[in-house]
């Protein structure tokens, strides 16, 4: 599959959320995807206990721009959660970038579980999510 932009075609990145309470289509991620002549990028957001699966087309590999396991707003991954689990919005696992990069950087695909067992618990009693910003770059 390729993404076209003007007179250029680019390899695509597949962004998927596996399991959990929210599912996303390519259209729901379109606001997060930026395309240049060198890369296709995107973002992944999965709720706690879900797995983030990043995949790039043949000939490209994952480059992690940023990652956070925690909570920075009260609306993401909030369905069915009591307000007390959503109130703390300055929650950051300091090892997020390192953990995601070590599991995904330079690979054609990877999966990362959004859980305290992977990242530690940066804010006890808060329901967290994993946000990853990345691009697929030529090898």
N, C-alpha and C. Protein backbone atom coordinates (compact mmCIF):
# COMPACT_ATOMS: atom_id res chain seq x y z
N UNK A 1 0.84 -1.18 0.00
CA UNK A 1 0.00 0.00 0.00
C UNK A 1 0.88 1.23 0.00
N UNK A 2 0.47 2.27 -0.71
CA UNK A 2 1.22 3.52 -0.74
C UNK A 2 0.28 4.68 -0.48
N UNK A 3 0.85 5.75 0.03
CA UNK A 3 0.13 6.98 0.26
C UNK A 3 0.61 7.96 -0.79
N UNK A 4 -0.30 8.61 -1.49
CA UNK A 4 0.10 9.56 -2.52
C UNK A 4 -0.04 10.97 -2.01
N UNK A 5 0.89 11.81 -2.41
CA UNK A 5 0.85 13.22 -2.05
C UNK A 5 1.35 14.03 -3.22
N UNK A 6 0.45 14.62 -3.98
CA UNK A 6 0.85 15.38 -5.16
C UNK A 6 1.43 14.43 -6.19
N UNK A 7 2.66 14.65 -6.61
CA UNK A 7 3.28 13.80 -7.61
C UNK A 7 4.16 12.72 -6.98
N UNK A 8 4.05 12.53 -5.66
CA UNK A 8 4.88 11.56 -4.95
C UNK A 8 4.04 10.44 -4.37
N UNK A 9 4.64 9.25 -4.27
CA UNK A 9 4.03 8.13 -3.55
C UNK A 9 4.98 7.70 -2.45
N UNK A 10 4.42 7.34 -1.30
CA UNK A 10 5.23 7.00 -0.14
C UNK A 10 4.75 5.67 0.42
N UNK A 11 5.66 4.89 1.03
CA UNK A 11 5.22 3.69 1.74
C UNK A 11 4.31 4.10 2.90
N UNK A 12 3.41 3.22 3.27
CA UNK A 12 2.50 3.56 4.35
C UNK A 12 2.93 2.86 5.63
N UNK A 13 2.46 3.38 6.75
CA UNK A 13 2.63 2.75 8.05
C UNK A 13 1.26 2.28 8.50
N UNK A 14 1.20 1.11 9.05
CA UNK A 14 -0.04 0.60 9.62
C UNK A 14 -0.04 0.91 11.10
N UNK A 15 -1.09 1.53 11.58
CA UNK A 15 -1.22 1.86 12.99
C UNK A 15 -2.42 1.09 13.52
N UNK A 16 -2.21 0.29 14.53
CA UNK A 16 -3.35 -0.47 15.04
C UNK A 16 -3.31 -0.53 16.55
N UNK A 17 -4.50 -0.56 17.12
CA UNK A 17 -4.65 -0.77 18.56
C UNK A 17 -5.28 -2.14 18.72
N UNK A 18 -4.71 -2.98 19.56
CA UNK A 18 -5.17 -4.35 19.71
C UNK A 18 -5.84 -4.48 21.06
N UNK A 19 -7.10 -4.95 21.05
CA UNK A 19 -7.81 -5.22 22.29
C UNK A 19 -8.41 -3.98 22.90
N UNK A 20 -9.05 -4.12 24.05
CA UNK A 20 -9.50 -2.99 24.84
C UNK A 20 -10.79 -2.37 24.41
N UNK A 21 -11.03 -1.20 24.98
CA UNK A 21 -12.33 -0.56 24.87
C UNK A 21 -12.49 0.34 23.66
N UNK A 22 -11.39 0.74 23.02
CA UNK A 22 -11.51 1.67 21.91
C UNK A 22 -10.86 1.09 20.68
N UNK A 23 -11.51 1.27 19.53
CA UNK A 23 -10.88 0.87 18.28
C UNK A 23 -10.81 2.10 17.39
N UNK A 24 -9.81 2.13 16.53
CA UNK A 24 -9.60 3.27 15.67
C UNK A 24 -9.44 2.82 14.24
N UNK A 25 -9.99 3.58 13.33
CA UNK A 25 -9.80 3.30 11.91
C UNK A 25 -8.73 4.23 11.39
N UNK A 26 -8.32 4.00 10.16
CA UNK A 26 -7.31 4.88 9.54
C UNK A 26 -7.82 6.32 9.53
N UNK A 27 -9.11 6.51 9.34
CA UNK A 27 -9.66 7.86 9.30
C UNK A 27 -9.49 8.57 10.65
N UNK A 28 -9.62 7.84 11.76
CA UNK A 28 -9.50 8.49 13.07
C UNK A 28 -8.07 8.89 13.36
N UNK A 29 -7.10 8.31 12.67
CA UNK A 29 -5.70 8.68 12.86
C UNK A 29 -5.24 9.71 11.84
N UNK A 30 -6.07 10.06 10.87
CA UNK A 30 -5.61 10.91 9.78
C UNK A 30 -5.10 12.26 10.26
N UNK A 31 -5.64 12.79 11.33
CA UNK A 31 -5.18 14.09 11.83
C UNK A 31 -3.77 13.98 12.43
N UNK A 32 -3.32 12.78 12.75
CA UNK A 32 -2.03 12.59 13.38
C UNK A 32 -0.94 12.17 12.40
N UNK A 33 -1.29 11.94 11.14
CA UNK A 33 -0.33 11.42 10.18
C UNK A 33 0.26 12.57 9.37
N UNK A 34 1.59 12.62 9.34
CA UNK A 34 2.24 13.61 8.50
C UNK A 34 3.12 12.89 7.49
N UNK A 35 3.13 13.37 6.26
CA UNK A 35 3.87 12.72 5.20
C UNK A 35 4.87 13.69 4.60
N UNK A 36 6.12 13.25 4.48
CA UNK A 36 7.13 14.02 3.76
C UNK A 36 7.74 13.09 2.73
N UNK A 37 8.66 13.59 1.94
CA UNK A 37 9.27 12.76 0.91
C UNK A 37 10.15 11.67 1.50
N UNK A 38 10.51 11.76 2.77
CA UNK A 38 11.42 10.80 3.38
C UNK A 38 10.74 9.80 4.30
N UNK A 39 9.55 10.11 4.81
CA UNK A 39 8.99 9.24 5.83
C UNK A 39 7.47 9.32 5.87
N UNK A 40 6.88 8.29 6.45
CA UNK A 40 5.47 8.28 6.78
C UNK A 40 5.41 8.11 8.29
N UNK A 41 4.59 8.89 8.96
CA UNK A 41 4.58 8.82 10.41
C UNK A 41 3.19 8.72 10.97
N UNK A 42 3.12 8.65 12.25
CA UNK A 42 1.83 8.58 12.88
C UNK A 42 1.95 8.51 14.38
N UNK A 43 0.85 8.15 14.98
CA UNK A 43 0.83 8.01 16.42
C UNK A 43 -0.06 6.84 16.78
N UNK A 44 0.15 6.35 17.97
CA UNK A 44 -0.64 5.25 18.50
C UNK A 44 -1.04 5.61 19.92
N UNK A 45 -2.28 5.37 20.24
CA UNK A 45 -2.77 5.58 21.60
C UNK A 45 -3.57 4.35 22.00
N UNK A 46 -3.15 3.71 23.06
CA UNK A 46 -3.90 2.57 23.59
C UNK A 46 -4.07 2.74 25.08
N UNK A 47 -5.17 2.25 25.59
CA UNK A 47 -5.48 2.34 27.01
C UNK A 47 -4.68 1.29 27.80
N UNK A 48 -4.57 1.53 29.09
CA UNK A 48 -3.87 0.60 29.98
C UNK A 48 -4.40 -0.82 29.77
N UNK A 49 -3.52 -1.79 29.78
CA UNK A 49 -3.79 -3.22 29.59
C UNK A 49 -3.98 -3.59 28.12
N UNK A 50 -3.86 -2.64 27.19
CA UNK A 50 -3.94 -2.93 25.75
C UNK A 50 -2.53 -2.96 25.17
N UNK A 51 -2.41 -3.49 23.96
CA UNK A 51 -1.12 -3.58 23.29
C UNK A 51 -1.08 -2.64 22.10
N UNK A 52 -0.03 -1.84 22.03
CA UNK A 52 0.20 -0.97 20.89
C UNK A 52 1.05 -1.74 19.89
N UNK A 53 0.56 -1.87 18.65
CA UNK A 53 1.27 -2.59 17.60
C UNK A 53 1.65 -1.61 16.50
N UNK A 54 2.94 -1.41 16.28
CA UNK A 54 3.44 -0.52 15.24
C UNK A 54 4.03 -1.36 14.12
N UNK A 55 3.70 -1.03 12.88
CA UNK A 55 4.21 -1.77 11.73
C UNK A 55 4.54 -0.82 10.60
N UNK A 56 5.70 -1.01 10.00
CA UNK A 56 6.09 -0.23 8.83
C UNK A 56 6.20 -1.14 7.61
N UNK A 57 6.05 -0.57 6.43
CA UNK A 57 6.18 -1.32 5.18
C UNK A 57 7.60 -1.84 4.98
N UNK A 58 7.74 -2.81 4.09
CA UNK A 58 9.06 -3.33 3.74
C UNK A 58 9.98 -2.19 3.32
N UNK A 59 11.22 -2.27 3.74
CA UNK A 59 12.20 -1.26 3.38
C UNK A 59 12.22 -0.06 4.31
N UNK A 60 11.30 -0.04 5.28
CA UNK A 60 11.28 1.06 6.25
C UNK A 60 11.30 0.48 7.67
N UNK A 61 11.76 1.30 8.60
CA UNK A 61 11.82 0.89 10.00
C UNK A 61 11.25 1.99 10.89
N UNK A 62 10.94 1.64 12.10
CA UNK A 62 10.32 2.54 13.07
C UNK A 62 11.36 3.48 13.67
N UNK A 63 11.01 4.75 13.74
CA UNK A 63 11.79 5.75 14.47
C UNK A 63 10.86 6.40 15.49
N UNK A 64 11.16 6.28 16.78
CA UNK A 64 10.32 6.81 17.85
C UNK A 64 10.65 8.28 18.07
N UNK A 65 9.63 9.13 18.03
CA UNK A 65 9.80 10.56 18.31
C UNK A 65 9.54 10.86 19.79
N UNK A 66 8.47 10.30 20.33
CA UNK A 66 8.14 10.52 21.73
C UNK A 66 7.21 9.41 22.21
N UNK A 67 7.16 9.25 23.52
CA UNK A 67 6.26 8.26 24.11
C UNK A 67 5.95 8.67 25.54
N UNK A 68 4.73 8.39 25.97
CA UNK A 68 4.38 8.58 27.37
C UNK A 68 3.37 7.53 27.81
N UNK A 69 3.70 6.86 28.90
CA UNK A 69 2.75 6.00 29.59
C UNK A 69 2.34 6.76 30.84
N UNK A 70 1.08 7.12 30.90
CA UNK A 70 0.58 7.92 32.02
C UNK A 70 -0.76 8.51 31.65
N UNK A 71 -0.97 9.77 32.04
CA UNK A 71 -2.21 10.47 31.72
C UNK A 71 -1.92 11.96 31.71
N UNK A 72 -2.32 12.61 30.60
CA UNK A 72 -2.13 14.06 30.47
C UNK A 72 -3.43 14.80 30.21
N UNK A 73 -4.53 14.08 30.13
CA UNK A 73 -5.85 14.71 30.07
C UNK A 73 -6.89 13.77 30.64
N UNK A 74 -8.08 14.30 30.91
CA UNK A 74 -9.10 13.48 31.57
C UNK A 74 -10.05 12.78 30.60
N UNK A 75 -9.95 13.04 29.29
CA UNK A 75 -10.92 12.46 28.36
C UNK A 75 -10.44 11.17 27.69
N UNK A 76 -9.14 11.02 27.44
CA UNK A 76 -8.65 9.81 26.78
C UNK A 76 -8.86 8.58 27.66
N UNK A 77 -9.30 7.50 27.05
CA UNK A 77 -9.47 6.23 27.75
C UNK A 77 -10.30 6.40 29.04
N UNK A 78 -11.38 7.14 28.94
CA UNK A 78 -12.18 7.47 30.12
C UNK A 78 -13.49 6.69 30.22
N UNK A 79 -13.88 5.98 29.17
CA UNK A 79 -15.17 5.29 29.15
C UNK A 79 -15.31 4.32 30.31
N UNK A 80 -16.35 4.52 31.10
CA UNK A 80 -16.67 3.63 32.20
C UNK A 80 -15.77 3.75 33.41
N UNK A 81 -14.92 4.75 33.44
CA UNK A 81 -13.99 4.93 34.55
C UNK A 81 -14.52 5.94 35.55
N UNK A 82 -14.35 5.69 36.84
CA UNK A 82 -14.78 6.67 37.84
C UNK A 82 -13.89 7.92 37.77
N UNK A 83 -14.43 9.08 38.08
CA UNK A 83 -13.68 10.34 38.01
C UNK A 83 -12.34 10.32 38.76
N UNK A 84 -12.27 9.61 39.87
CA UNK A 84 -11.04 9.57 40.65
C UNK A 84 -9.88 8.95 39.87
N UNK A 85 -10.18 8.03 38.94
CA UNK A 85 -9.14 7.40 38.13
C UNK A 85 -8.69 8.28 36.96
N UNK A 86 -9.38 9.41 36.74
CA UNK A 86 -9.09 10.29 35.60
C UNK A 86 -8.59 11.67 36.03
N UNK A 87 -8.61 11.94 37.33
CA UNK A 87 -8.35 13.29 37.83
C UNK A 87 -6.89 13.73 37.69
N UNK A 88 -5.94 12.82 37.90
CA UNK A 88 -4.53 13.20 37.85
C UNK A 88 -4.08 13.26 36.38
N UNK A 89 -3.80 14.46 35.89
CA UNK A 89 -3.44 14.61 34.47
C UNK A 89 -2.02 15.12 34.28
N UNK A 90 -1.20 14.99 35.29
CA UNK A 90 0.23 15.31 35.15
C UNK A 90 1.05 14.06 35.47
N UNK A 91 0.69 12.97 34.79
CA UNK A 91 1.23 11.65 35.07
C UNK A 91 2.13 11.21 33.91
N UNK A 92 3.41 11.01 34.22
CA UNK A 92 4.39 10.64 33.20
C UNK A 92 5.30 9.54 33.74
N UNK A 93 5.40 8.42 33.03
CA UNK A 93 6.40 7.42 33.36
C UNK A 93 7.71 7.90 32.73
N UNK A 94 8.69 8.21 33.54
CA UNK A 94 9.93 8.80 33.05
C UNK A 94 10.70 7.88 32.11
N UNK A 95 10.44 6.57 32.16
CA UNK A 95 11.13 5.63 31.30
C UNK A 95 10.38 5.32 30.00
N UNK A 96 9.29 6.02 29.71
CA UNK A 96 8.45 5.72 28.55
C UNK A 96 9.23 5.71 27.24
N UNK A 97 9.95 6.77 26.97
CA UNK A 97 10.70 6.89 25.72
C UNK A 97 11.75 5.77 25.61
N UNK A 98 12.46 5.51 26.69
CA UNK A 98 13.50 4.48 26.68
C UNK A 98 12.92 3.09 26.44
N UNK A 99 11.83 2.77 27.13
CA UNK A 99 11.21 1.45 26.99
C UNK A 99 10.69 1.24 25.58
N UNK A 100 9.97 2.23 25.04
CA UNK A 100 9.41 2.09 23.69
C UNK A 100 10.52 2.04 22.65
N UNK A 101 11.51 2.92 22.77
CA UNK A 101 12.62 2.92 21.80
C UNK A 101 13.39 1.60 21.84
N UNK A 102 13.63 1.06 23.03
CA UNK A 102 14.39 -0.19 23.10
C UNK A 102 13.62 -1.36 22.49
N UNK A 103 12.30 -1.30 22.51
CA UNK A 103 11.49 -2.37 21.92
C UNK A 103 11.15 -2.17 20.46
N UNK A 104 11.25 -0.94 19.96
CA UNK A 104 10.74 -0.65 18.61
C UNK A 104 11.73 0.02 17.66
N UNK A 105 12.63 0.82 18.16
CA UNK A 105 13.52 1.62 17.29
C UNK A 105 14.28 0.73 16.32
N UNK A 106 14.20 1.06 15.02
CA UNK A 106 14.95 0.34 14.00
C UNK A 106 14.33 -0.97 13.54
N UNK A 107 13.17 -1.32 14.08
CA UNK A 107 12.50 -2.56 13.70
C UNK A 107 11.39 -2.27 12.69
N UNK A 108 10.99 -3.27 11.93
CA UNK A 108 9.90 -3.08 10.98
C UNK A 108 8.54 -3.18 11.66
N UNK A 109 8.49 -3.84 12.83
CA UNK A 109 7.25 -3.90 13.61
C UNK A 109 7.60 -4.19 15.06
N UNK A 110 6.69 -3.85 15.94
CA UNK A 110 6.88 -4.13 17.36
C UNK A 110 5.53 -4.04 18.07
N UNK A 111 5.48 -4.59 19.26
CA UNK A 111 4.29 -4.52 20.11
C UNK A 111 4.74 -4.16 21.52
N UNK A 112 4.03 -3.23 22.13
CA UNK A 112 4.34 -2.80 23.50
C UNK A 112 3.04 -2.82 24.31
N UNK A 113 3.06 -3.53 25.43
CA UNK A 113 1.91 -3.59 26.32
C UNK A 113 1.89 -2.35 27.21
N UNK A 114 0.75 -1.69 27.26
CA UNK A 114 0.57 -0.52 28.12
C UNK A 114 0.20 -1.02 29.52
N UNK A 115 1.21 -1.20 30.35
CA UNK A 115 0.93 -1.73 31.69
C UNK A 115 2.00 -1.29 32.69
N UNK A 116 1.62 -1.32 33.96
CA UNK A 116 2.54 -0.99 35.04
C UNK A 116 3.71 -1.98 35.08
N UNK A 117 3.48 -3.22 34.66
CA UNK A 117 4.55 -4.22 34.69
C UNK A 117 5.64 -3.91 33.67
N UNK A 118 5.32 -3.16 32.63
CA UNK A 118 6.30 -2.77 31.61
C UNK A 118 6.96 -1.44 31.95
N UNK A 119 6.18 -0.46 32.39
CA UNK A 119 6.68 0.91 32.59
C UNK A 119 6.86 1.32 34.04
N UNK A 120 6.38 0.58 34.99
CA UNK A 120 6.22 0.93 36.40
C UNK A 120 4.92 1.74 36.54
N UNK A 121 4.57 2.12 37.74
CA UNK A 121 3.32 2.85 37.97
C UNK A 121 3.63 4.30 38.34
N UNK A 122 3.51 5.21 37.37
CA UNK A 122 3.86 6.60 37.64
C UNK A 122 2.83 7.36 38.47
N UNK A 123 1.62 6.84 38.59
CA UNK A 123 0.58 7.53 39.37
C UNK A 123 -0.45 6.50 39.84
N UNK A 124 -0.22 5.98 41.03
CA UNK A 124 -1.06 4.95 41.61
C UNK A 124 -2.52 5.42 41.67
N UNK A 125 -3.45 4.53 41.26
CA UNK A 125 -4.88 4.82 41.31
C UNK A 125 -5.41 5.54 40.09
N UNK A 126 -4.54 5.88 39.16
CA UNK A 126 -4.95 6.57 37.93
C UNK A 126 -4.97 5.57 36.79
N UNK A 127 -6.02 5.60 35.96
CA UNK A 127 -6.08 4.75 34.77
C UNK A 127 -5.27 5.44 33.68
N UNK A 128 -4.28 4.73 33.17
CA UNK A 128 -3.30 5.33 32.27
C UNK A 128 -3.51 4.90 30.82
N UNK A 129 -2.73 5.51 29.93
CA UNK A 129 -2.69 5.11 28.52
C UNK A 129 -1.28 5.32 27.99
N UNK A 130 -1.00 4.67 26.87
CA UNK A 130 0.30 4.79 26.22
C UNK A 130 0.13 5.54 24.92
N UNK A 131 0.83 6.66 24.78
CA UNK A 131 0.84 7.44 23.55
C UNK A 131 2.23 7.37 22.94
N UNK A 132 2.30 7.02 21.65
CA UNK A 132 3.57 6.93 20.94
C UNK A 132 3.48 7.76 19.66
N UNK A 133 4.47 8.61 19.43
CA UNK A 133 4.60 9.31 18.16
C UNK A 133 5.84 8.74 17.46
N UNK A 134 5.66 8.33 16.19
CA UNK A 134 6.75 7.68 15.48
C UNK A 134 6.66 7.93 13.99
N UNK A 135 7.69 7.54 13.28
CA UNK A 135 7.64 7.58 11.83
C UNK A 135 8.29 6.31 11.29
N UNK A 136 7.99 6.00 10.04
CA UNK A 136 8.62 4.91 9.32
C UNK A 136 9.63 5.53 8.37
N UNK A 137 10.89 5.21 8.56
CA UNK A 137 11.96 5.80 7.76
C UNK A 137 12.67 4.74 6.94
N UNK A 138 13.24 5.14 5.84
CA UNK A 138 13.99 4.21 5.00
C UNK A 138 15.16 3.63 5.78
N UNK A 139 15.44 2.34 5.51
CA UNK A 139 16.56 1.68 6.21
C UNK A 139 17.87 2.32 5.85
